[in-house]
C-alpha atoms as a PDB file:
ATOM      1  CA  MET A   1      85.886 179.188-125.382  1.00  0.00           C
ATOM      2  CA  LYS A   2      89.160 180.752-124.301  1.00  0.00           C
ATOM      3  CA  ARG A   3      92.145 179.747-126.362  1.00  0.00           C
ATOM      4  CA  THR A   4      95.568 179.184-124.925  1.00  0.00           C
ATOM      5  CA  PHE A   5      98.548 180.328-126.963  1.00  0.00           C
ATOM      6  CA  ILE A   6     102.032 178.938-126.400  1.00  0.00           C
ATOM      7  CA  CYS A   7     105.019 181.167-126.942  1.00  0.00           C
ATOM      8  CA  PRO A   8     107.108 179.854-129.888  1.00  0.00           C
ATOM      9  CA  ALA A   9     110.228 179.700-127.696  1.00  0.00           C
ATOM     10  CA  VAL A  10     108.406 177.627-125.067  1.00  0.00           C
ATOM     11  CA  PHE A  11     107.009 175.365-127.776  1.00  0.00           C
ATOM     12  CA  LEU A  12     110.515 174.804-129.131  1.00  0.00           C
ATOM     13  CA  ILE A  13     111.835 173.891-125.683  1.00  0.00           C
ATOM     14  CA  ILE A  14     108.996 171.420-125.116  1.00  0.00           C
ATOM     15  CA  ALA A  15     109.506 169.894-128.560  1.00  0.00           C
ATOM     16  CA  ASN A  16     113.234 169.461-127.945  1.00  0.00           C
ATOM     17  CA  LEU A  17     112.603 167.822-124.568  1.00  0.00           C
ATOM     18  CA  LEU A  18     110.090 165.405-126.078  1.00  0.00           C
ATOM     19  CA  TYR A  19     112.494 164.583-128.911  1.00  0.00           C
ATOM     20  CA  PHE A  20     115.313 163.923-126.432  1.00  0.00           C
ATOM     21  CA  GLN A  21     113.057 161.650-124.365  1.00  0.00           C
ATOM     22  CA  VAL A  22     112.015 159.673-127.441  1.00  0.00           C
ATOM     23  CA  LEU A  23     115.636 159.423-128.610  1.00  0.00           C
ATOM     24  CA  THR A  24     116.866 158.313-125.197  1.00  0.00           C
ATOM     25  CA  HIS A  25     114.116 155.706-124.918  1.00  0.00           C
ATOM     26  CA  ALA A  26     115.047 154.348-128.359  1.00  0.00           C
ATOM     27  CA  GLN A  27     118.696 153.990-127.380  1.00  0.00           C
ATOM     28  CA  LYS A  28     118.151 152.321-124.009  1.00  0.00           C
ATOM     29  CA  ASN A  29     118.966 148.624-124.066  1.00  0.00           C
ATOM     30  CA  LYS A  30     121.058 149.177-127.195  1.00  0.00           C
ATOM     31  CA  VAL A  31     124.627 147.891-127.139  1.00  0.00           C
ATOM     32  CA  ILE A  32     127.592 149.485-128.921  1.00  0.00           C
ATOM     33  CA  LEU A  33     130.913 147.645-129.140  1.00  0.00           C
ATOM     34  CA  ALA A  34     133.993 149.486-130.434  1.00  0.00           C
ATOM     35  CA  ILE A  35     136.909 147.203-131.276  1.00  0.00           C
ATOM     36  CA  PHE A  36     140.418 148.576-131.734  1.00  0.00           C
ATOM     37  CA  ALA A  37     144.039 147.472-131.474  1.00  0.00           C
ATOM     38  CA  HIS A  38     145.591 149.453-128.610  1.00  0.00           C
ATOM     39  CA  PRO A  39     144.623 151.283-125.432  1.00  0.00           C
ATOM     40  CA  ASP A  40     144.035 154.921-126.570  1.00  0.00           C
ATOM     41  CA  ASP A  41     142.774 153.996-130.080  1.00  0.00           C
ATOM     42  CA  GLU A  42     139.224 154.686-128.915  1.00  0.00           C
ATOM     43  CA  GLN A  43     139.990 158.400-128.968  1.00  0.00           C
ATOM     44  CA  THR A  44     139.214 158.478-132.678  1.00  0.00           C
ATOM     45  CA  VAL A  45     135.524 158.109-131.744  1.00  0.00           C
ATOM     46  CA  SER A  46     135.383 158.922-128.026  1.00  0.00           C
ATOM     47  CA  PRO A  47     132.936 161.874-128.378  1.00  0.00           C
ATOM     48  CA  VAL A  48     130.503 159.522-130.137  1.00  0.00           C
ATOM     49  CA  LEU A  49     130.917 156.915-127.381  1.00  0.00           C
ATOM     50  CA  ALA A  50     130.231 159.598-124.765  1.00  0.00           C
ATOM     51  CA  LYS A  51     127.149 160.725-126.694  1.00  0.00           C
ATOM     52  CA  TYR A  52     125.502 157.311-126.795  1.00  0.00           C
ATOM     53  CA  ALA A  53     126.470 156.363-123.256  1.00  0.00           C
ATOM     54  CA  ALA A  54     124.773 159.530-121.975  1.00  0.00           C
ATOM     55  CA  SER A  55     121.617 158.666-123.920  1.00  0.00           C
ATOM     56  CA  GLY A  56     121.285 155.242-122.313  1.00  0.00           C
ATOM     57  CA  ALA A  57     123.160 152.839-124.587  1.00  0.00           C
ATOM     58  CA  ALA A  58     125.515 150.250-123.107  1.00  0.00           C
ATOM     59  CA  VAL A  59     128.897 151.105-124.615  1.00  0.00           C
ATOM     60  CA  TYR A  60     131.946 148.818-124.591  1.00  0.00           C
ATOM     61  CA  VAL A  61     135.496 149.249-125.841  1.00  0.00           C
ATOM     62  CA  ALA A  62     137.547 146.138-126.624  1.00  0.00           C
ATOM     63  CA  VAL A  63     141.250 146.304-127.452  1.00  0.00           C
ATOM     64  CA  ALA A  64     143.270 143.467-128.912  1.00  0.00           C
ATOM     65  CA  THR A  65     146.709 144.314-127.502  1.00  0.00           C
ATOM     66  CA  ASP A  66     148.029 145.533-124.163  1.00  0.00           C
ATOM     67  CA  GLY A  67     150.144 148.355-125.617  1.00  0.00           C
ATOM     68  CA  ARG A  68     153.358 147.072-124.046  1.00  0.00           C
ATOM     69  CA  TYR A  69     155.612 148.430-126.790  1.00  0.00           C
ATOM     70  CA  GLY A  70     154.054 151.873-127.039  1.00  0.00           C
ATOM     71  CA  PHE A  71     157.088 153.681-125.656  1.00  0.00           C
ATOM     72  CA  ALA A  72     156.702 157.459-125.913  1.00  0.00           C
ATOM     73  CA  PRO A  73     159.677 159.868-125.664  1.00  0.00           C
ATOM     74  CA  HIS A  74     158.179 161.871-122.799  1.00  0.00           C
ATOM     75  CA  PHE A  75     157.411 158.820-120.608  1.00  0.00           C
ATOM     76  CA  SER A  76     160.270 157.168-118.744  1.00  0.00           C
ATOM     77  CA  VAL A  77     158.936 153.592-118.388  1.00  0.00           C
ATOM     78  CA  ARG A  78     160.750 151.196-120.728  1.00  0.00           C
ATOM     79  CA  ASP A  79     159.769 147.817-119.293  1.00  0.00           C
ATOM     80  CA  PRO A  80     157.036 146.210-121.459  1.00  0.00           C
ATOM     81  CA  ASP A  81     155.252 144.463-118.584  1.00  0.00           C
ATOM     82  CA  SER A  82     155.178 147.630-116.502  1.00  0.00           C
ATOM     83  CA  LEU A  83     153.919 149.714-119.407  1.00  0.00           C
ATOM     84  CA  ALA A  84     151.185 147.166-120.151  1.00  0.00           C
ATOM     85  CA  MET A  85     149.932 147.485-116.556  1.00  0.00           C
ATOM     86  CA  ILE A  86     150.022 151.280-116.734  1.00  0.00           C
ATOM     87  CA  ARG A  87     148.086 151.327-120.002  1.00  0.00           C
ATOM     88  CA  ALA A  88     145.456 148.978-118.595  1.00  0.00           C
ATOM     89  CA  GLY A  89     144.906 151.517-115.812  1.00  0.00           C
ATOM     90  CA  GLU A  90     144.719 154.351-118.332  1.00  0.00           C
ATOM     91  CA  LEU A  91     142.080 152.471-120.304  1.00  0.00           C
ATOM     92  CA  LYS A  92     140.037 151.966-117.138  1.00  0.00           C
ATOM     93  CA  CYS A  93     140.363 155.705-116.401  1.00  0.00           C
ATOM     94  CA  MET A  94     139.029 156.468-119.894  1.00  0.00           C
ATOM     95  CA  THR A  95     135.947 154.300-119.477  1.00  0.00           C
ATOM     96  CA  THR A  96     135.182 155.906-116.117  1.00  0.00           C
ATOM     97  CA  VAL A  97     135.405 159.430-117.559  1.00  0.00           C
ATOM     98  CA  LEU A  98     133.244 158.591-120.582  1.00  0.00           C
ATOM     99  CA  GLY A  99     130.689 156.772-118.447  1.00  0.00           C
ATOM    100  CA  ILE A 100     130.937 153.523-120.398  1.00  0.00           C
ATOM    101  CA  ASN A 101     131.438 149.923-119.308  1.00  0.00           C
ATOM    102  CA  PRO A 102     134.832 148.697-118.045  1.00  0.00           C
ATOM    103  CA  PRO A 103     137.304 147.961-120.855  1.00  0.00           C
ATOM    104  CA  ILE A 104     137.652 144.563-122.474  1.00  0.00           C
ATOM    105  CA  MET A 105     141.309 143.660-122.988  1.00  0.00           C
ATOM    106  CA  MET A 106     142.205 140.642-125.101  1.00  0.00           C
ATOM    107  CA  GLY A 107     145.757 140.801-123.763  1.00  0.00           C
ATOM    108  CA  LEU A 108     147.831 140.107-126.864  1.00  0.00           C
ATOM    109  CA  HIS A 109     151.180 141.784-127.471  1.00  0.00           C
ATOM    110  CA  ASP A 110     151.601 144.766-129.780  1.00  0.00           C
ATOM    111  CA  GLN A 111     152.385 143.766-133.353  1.00  0.00           C
ATOM    112  CA  PHE A 112     150.880 140.324-132.661  1.00  0.00           C
ATOM    113  CA  ARG A 113     154.420 138.941-132.348  1.00  0.00           C
ATOM    114  CA  MET A 114     154.835 139.245-136.106  1.00  0.00           C
ATOM    115  CA  LYS A 115     158.624 139.404-135.705  1.00  0.00           C
ATOM    116  CA  GLU A 116     158.499 135.733-134.698  1.00  0.00           C
ATOM    117  CA  GLY A 117     157.218 134.766-138.134  1.00  0.00           C
ATOM    118  CA  MET A 118     154.052 134.108-140.093  1.00  0.00           C
ATOM    119  CA  ASP A 119     152.993 131.056-138.074  1.00  0.00           C
ATOM    120  CA  THR A 120     153.035 133.029-134.830  1.00  0.00           C
ATOM    121  CA  LEU A 121     151.254 135.982-136.403  1.00  0.00           C
ATOM    122  CA  GLY A 122     148.578 133.700-137.820  1.00  0.00           C
ATOM    123  CA  ALA A 123     148.061 132.058-134.436  1.00  0.00           C
ATOM    124  CA  GLN A 124     147.700 135.465-132.766  1.00  0.00           C
ATOM    125  CA  LEU A 125     145.095 136.587-135.269  1.00  0.00           C
ATOM    126  CA  LYS A 126     143.163 133.359-134.713  1.00  0.00           C
ATOM    127  CA  ILE A 127     143.009 134.253-131.012  1.00  0.00           C
ATOM    128  CA  VAL A 128     141.670 137.711-131.884  1.00  0.00           C
ATOM    129  CA  ARG A 129     139.093 136.101-134.162  1.00  0.00           C
ATOM    130  CA  SER A 130     137.879 133.697-131.469  1.00  0.00           C
ATOM    131  CA  LYS A 131     137.647 136.467-128.893  1.00  0.00           C
ATOM    132  CA  ILE A 132     135.621 138.682-131.234  1.00  0.00           C
ATOM    133  CA  ILE A 133     133.230 135.810-131.938  1.00  0.00           C
ATOM    134  CA  GLN A 134     132.831 135.359-128.188  1.00  0.00           C
ATOM    135  CA  LEU A 135     132.126 139.075-127.731  1.00  0.00           C
ATOM    136  CA  PHE A 136     129.477 138.984-130.448  1.00  0.00           C
ATOM    137  CA  ASN A 137     127.814 136.016-128.774  1.00  0.00           C
ATOM    138  CA  ASP A 138     128.097 137.321-125.210  1.00  0.00           C
ATOM    139  CA  LEU A 139     127.286 141.020-125.663  1.00  0.00           C
ATOM    140  CA  LYS A 140     124.989 140.719-128.690  1.00  0.00           C
ATOM    141  CA  PRO A 141     125.854 144.275-129.757  1.00  0.00           C
ATOM    142  CA  ASP A 142     123.526 146.254-131.979  1.00  0.00           C
ATOM    143  CA  VAL A 143     126.435 148.208-133.426  1.00  0.00           C
ATOM    144  CA  ILE A 144     130.103 147.385-134.073  1.00  0.00           C
ATOM    145  CA  ILE A 145     132.624 150.186-134.624  1.00  0.00           C
ATOM    146  CA  THR A 146     136.150 149.746-135.946  1.00  0.00           C
ATOM    147  CA  TRP A 147     138.464 151.318-138.519  1.00  0.00           C
ATOM    148  CA  GLY A 148     138.214 151.131-142.252  1.00  0.00           C
ATOM    149  CA  ALA A 149     140.686 149.253-144.424  1.00  0.00           C
ATOM    150  CA  ALA A 150     143.658 151.567-143.785  1.00  0.00           C
ATOM    151  CA  GLY A 151     143.224 151.589-140.026  1.00  0.00           C
ATOM    152  CA  LEU A 152     143.282 155.419-140.085  1.00  0.00           C
ATOM    153  CA  THR A 153     147.042 155.642-139.395  1.00  0.00           C
ATOM    154  CA  ASN A 154     148.077 152.712-141.612  1.00  0.00           C
ATOM    155  CA  HIS A 155     149.428 150.934-138.521  1.00  0.00           C
ATOM    156  CA  PRO A 156     149.667 147.176-139.225  1.00  0.00           C
ATOM    157  CA  ASP A 157     147.879 146.359-135.951  1.00  0.00           C
ATOM    158  CA  HIS A 158     145.010 148.681-136.898  1.00  0.00           C
ATOM    159  CA  ARG A 159     144.689 147.111-140.323  1.00  0.00           C
ATOM    160  CA  ALA A 160     144.767 143.607-138.840  1.00  0.00           C
ATOM    161  CA  VAL A 161     142.012 144.335-136.309  1.00  0.00           C
ATOM    162  CA  SER A 162     139.826 145.942-138.965  1.00  0.00           C
ATOM    163  CA  ASP A 163     140.302 142.880-141.187  1.00  0.00           C
ATOM    164  CA  VAL A 164     139.431 140.386-138.450  1.00  0.00           C
ATOM    165  CA  VAL A 165     136.376 142.332-137.257  1.00  0.00           C
ATOM    166  CA  THR A 166     135.148 142.493-140.850  1.00  0.00           C
ATOM    167  CA  GLU A 167     135.790 138.783-141.347  1.00  0.00           C
ATOM    168  CA  VAL A 168     133.840 137.803-138.244  1.00  0.00           C
ATOM    169  CA  PHE A 169     130.941 140.121-139.012  1.00  0.00           C
ATOM    170  CA  SER A 170     130.649 138.884-142.590  1.00  0.00           C
ATOM    171  CA  MET A 171     130.996 135.172-141.803  1.00  0.00           C
ATOM    172  CA  LYS A 172     127.260 134.782-141.211  1.00  0.00           C
ATOM    173  CA  GLN A 173     123.987 136.669-140.846  1.00  0.00           C
ATOM    174  CA  TRP A 174     124.100 137.833-137.239  1.00  0.00           C
ATOM    175  CA  ALA A 175     120.832 138.826-135.576  1.00  0.00           C
ATOM    176  CA  ARG A 176     123.006 141.027-133.404  1.00  0.00           C
ATOM    177  CA  PRO A 177     125.269 142.792-134.251  1.00  0.00           C
ATOM    178  CA  ALA A 178     122.937 144.360-136.755  1.00  0.00           C
ATOM    179  CA  ASN A 179     125.588 146.402-138.525  1.00  0.00           C
ATOM    180  CA  LEU A 180     129.269 147.233-138.683  1.00  0.00           C
ATOM    181  CA  TYR A 181     130.509 150.813-139.044  1.00  0.00           C
ATOM    182  CA  TYR A 182     133.956 151.988-140.079  1.00  0.00           C
ATOM    183  CA  THR A 183     135.085 155.294-138.619  1.00  0.00           C
ATOM    184  CA  GLU A 184     136.784 157.507-141.199  1.00  0.00           C
ATOM    185  CA  LEU A 185     138.173 160.994-141.737  1.00  0.00           C
ATOM    186  CA  VAL A 186     136.885 162.949-144.712  1.00  0.00           C
ATOM    187  CA  THR A 187     139.213 163.572-147.638  1.00  0.00           C
ATOM    188  CA  GLY A 188     140.094 167.261-147.787  1.00  0.00           C
ATOM    189  CA  SER A 189     138.980 168.031-144.226  1.00  0.00           C
ATOM    190  CA  MET A 190     142.489 168.533-142.816  1.00  0.00           C
ATOM    191  CA  THR A 191     144.666 171.496-143.719  1.00  0.00           C
ATOM    192  CA  ASN A 192     147.807 169.794-142.370  1.00  0.00           C
ATOM    193  CA  ASN A 193     147.931 166.018-142.527  1.00  0.00           C
ATOM    194  CA  ARG A 194     151.539 165.621-141.474  1.00  0.00           C
ATOM    195  CA  TYR A 195     150.868 162.231-139.884  1.00  0.00           C
ATOM    196  CA  GLY A 196     149.712 160.790-143.184  1.00  0.00           C
ATOM    197  CA  LEU A 197     146.283 159.783-141.876  1.00  0.00           C
ATOM    198  CA  SER A 198     144.120 157.911-144.360  1.00  0.00           C
ATOM    199  CA  THR A 199     140.934 159.595-145.547  1.00  0.00           C
ATOM    200  CA  VAL A 200     137.801 158.612-147.449  1.00  0.00           C
ATOM    201  CA  ASP A 201     135.739 160.651-149.883  1.00  0.00           C
ATOM    202  CA  SER A 202     132.587 161.942-148.214  1.00  0.00           C
ATOM    203  CA  SER A 203     130.359 160.356-150.864  1.00  0.00           C
ATOM    204  CA  TYR A 204     131.135 156.928-149.369  1.00  0.00           C
ATOM    205  CA  LEU A 205     130.400 157.965-145.788  1.00  0.00           C
ATOM    206  CA  ASN A 206     126.696 157.280-145.329  1.00  0.00           C
ATOM    207  CA  VAL A 207     126.426 157.760-141.542  1.00  0.00           C
ATOM    208  CA  ARG A 208     127.101 161.205-140.068  1.00  0.00           C
ATOM    209  CA  ILE A 209     126.713 161.680-136.329  1.00  0.00           C
ATOM    210  CA  PRO A 210     126.809 165.167-134.769  1.00  0.00           C
ATOM    211  CA  VAL A 211     128.444 165.670-131.388  1.00  0.00           C
ATOM    212  CA  THR A 212     128.180 168.584-128.972  1.00  0.00           C
ATOM    213  CA  LYS A 213     130.904 170.690-127.404  1.00  0.00           C
ATOM    214  CA  ALA A 214     130.116 169.050-124.064  1.00  0.00           C
ATOM    215  CA  GLU A 215     130.632 165.586-125.550  1.00  0.00           C
ATOM    216  CA  ILE A 216     133.919 166.695-127.088  1.00  0.00           C
ATOM    217  CA  GLU A 217     135.022 168.168-123.765  1.00  0.00           C
ATOM    218  CA  LYS A 218     134.225 164.929-121.922  1.00  0.00           C
ATOM    219  CA  ALA A 219     136.190 163.011-124.543  1.00  0.00           C
ATOM    220  CA  ARG A 220     139.100 165.428-124.137  1.00  0.00           C
ATOM    221  CA  VAL A 221     139.199 164.722-120.408  1.00  0.00           C
ATOM    222  CA  SER A 222     139.249 160.989-121.155  1.00  0.00           C
ATOM    223  CA  TRP A 223     142.153 161.513-123.570  1.00  0.00           C
ATOM    224  CA  ASN A 224     144.124 162.965-120.664  1.00  0.00           C
ATOM    225  CA  CYS A 225     143.959 159.521-119.038  1.00  0.00           C
ATOM    226  CA  HIS A 226     146.520 158.227-121.539  1.00  0.00           C
ATOM    227  CA  LYS A 227     149.452 160.005-119.899  1.00  0.00           C
ATOM    228  CA  SER A 228     151.977 157.379-120.994  1.00  0.00           C
ATOM    229  CA  GLN A 229     151.243 158.178-124.642  1.00  0.00           C
ATOM    230  CA  TYR A 230     150.539 161.891-124.932  1.00  0.00           C
ATOM    231  CA  THR A 231     151.580 165.278-123.716  1.00  0.00           C
ATOM    232  CA  LYS A 232     149.048 168.105-123.630  1.00  0.00           C
ATOM    233  CA  GLU A 233     150.619 169.606-126.743  1.00  0.00           C
ATOM    234  CA  VAL A 234     150.263 166.381-128.717  1.00  0.00           C
ATOM    235  CA  ILE A 235     146.629 165.994-127.629  1.00  0.00           C
ATOM    236  CA  ASP A 236     145.931 169.553-128.779  1.00  0.00           C
ATOM    237  CA  GLU A 237     147.389 168.779-132.193  1.00  0.00           C
ATOM    238  CA  LEU A 238     145.602 165.455-132.607  1.00  0.00           C
ATOM    239  CA  GLN A 239     142.304 166.908-131.404  1.00  0.00           C
ATOM    240  CA  ALA A 240     142.545 169.444-134.207  1.00  0.00           C
ATOM    241  CA  LEU A 241     143.102 166.605-136.681  1.00  0.00           C
ATOM    242  CA  PHE A 242     140.589 164.056-135.407  1.00  0.00           C
ATOM    243  CA  TRP A 243     137.827 166.242-133.999  1.00  0.00           C
ATOM    244  CA  ASN A 244     137.998 169.909-134.920  1.00  0.00           C
ATOM    245  CA  SER A 245     138.658 169.290-138.615  1.00  0.00           C
ATOM    246  CA  GLN A 246     135.357 167.413-138.898  1.00  0.00           C
ATOM    247  CA  LYS A 247     133.403 170.421-137.552  1.00  0.00           C
ATOM    248  CA  GLY A 248     131.401 168.468-134.980  1.00  0.00           C
ATOM    249  CA  ILE A 249     130.381 165.641-137.307  1.00  0.00           C
ATOM    250  CA  TYR A 250     131.648 162.072-137.090  1.00  0.00           C
ATOM    251  CA  TYR A 251     131.668 160.146-140.322  1.00  0.00           C
ATOM    252  CA  PHE A 252     131.168 156.407-140.700  1.00  0.00           C
ATOM    253  CA  ARG A 253     130.784 153.955-143.544  1.00  0.00           C
ATOM    254  CA  SER A 254     128.336 151.119-142.951  1.00  0.00           C
ATOM    255  CA  TYR A 255     129.290 147.615-144.038  1.00  0.00           C
ATOM    256  CA  ARG A 256     125.906 146.302-145.043  1.00  0.00           C
ATOM    257  CA  SER A 257     125.012 146.352-148.719  1.00  0.00           C
ATOM    258  CA  PRO A 258     121.532 147.101-150.117  1.00  0.00           C
ATOM    259  CA  GLU A 259     118.791 144.723-148.961  1.00  0.00           C
ATOM    260  CA  THR A 260     117.883 143.719-152.509  1.00  0.00           C
ATOM    261  CA  PRO A 261     120.678 141.813-154.304  1.00  0.00           C
ATOM    262  CA  MET A 262     121.896 143.345-157.526  1.00  0.00           C
ATOM    263  CA  HIS A 263     122.522 141.171-160.591  1.00  0.00           C
ATOM    264  CA  THR A 264     124.783 143.533-162.478  1.00  0.00           C
ATOM    265  CA  PHE A 265     127.689 145.882-161.791  1.00  0.00           C
ATOM    266  CA  PHE A 266     125.834 148.550-163.761  1.00  0.00           C
ATOM    267  CA  PRO A 267     122.314 149.072-162.376  1.00  0.00           C
END
C-alpha cells in the first residue's frame, strides 16, 4: 500500500488552522465585559479586547463617567457638556475600530461629584453599583475585566470603580460572570515610570494573554479615536509604557480563590 507523507511545514499549517478553529469555536457565544471609569480607560487592555472580538466573543466596554472634566492642554473645548458629547463619540469610534459592541455609558460625572461631600459621593457610587448589577443580569458575562486595587494610575475614580466591581462580583455566587480579572502591569517591566503607574509582582499574576502585532496595531488605531485626550506623541509614550514594556503579554490577576476552602493561613 502506498504511503502518503506530509511535509512538516504543511502539517504545521494544518495543525495551526485546526487549533484556531477549535479556539474560535470555544470563544463563540462567550461574553466579555470590561468596566472602567472614563472614556479612553479601555486602552489599557484594548489589544486583548480586539483579540477576543476577532475570535468570536461578544465584547462590551462600560464606563461609569462621561469624561466631562478631562480637559487636555492640546484640546480647546472647555465646556463640560460639550466635552462629554465629544468623548461619547470618541468611545463609539473606539468600539467600531476594535469590532466590539457599542459602548455602555453610565453617564455619571467625573469624580462622582465628590466635591459636593460624602453623601453625594456615596449616592453616586450606589448608582454605579446598581448599574453594574443590571449589567451582570442583562449581559450575563463570562468574564469581567477591571483594574486592580490601585486603579493602575491611582486615580480616585479608577480605584472607586475597581472597588464597586469587586463588591458586586463578590456579593454572591454568580453563574455568570464566572470570574473577575484585574489588569495589571508587571513590577520591573518599565524602564521609565514617570507617571507613577502602579505595578504588581509577576508571581501574583496568574493569567497571561499573548497578543499579536496586528492586534496591537488595531488597538493603536482605536486609541487615535480619543483625540480630545491625546496627541500622537503622548500615545507613543503611553504605548511604550502600557503595551511595549510587557513584550506582547497582557497580565491579569483572577479574583477567584481556590475551589477547596483552606482552614489555615499556613497550608
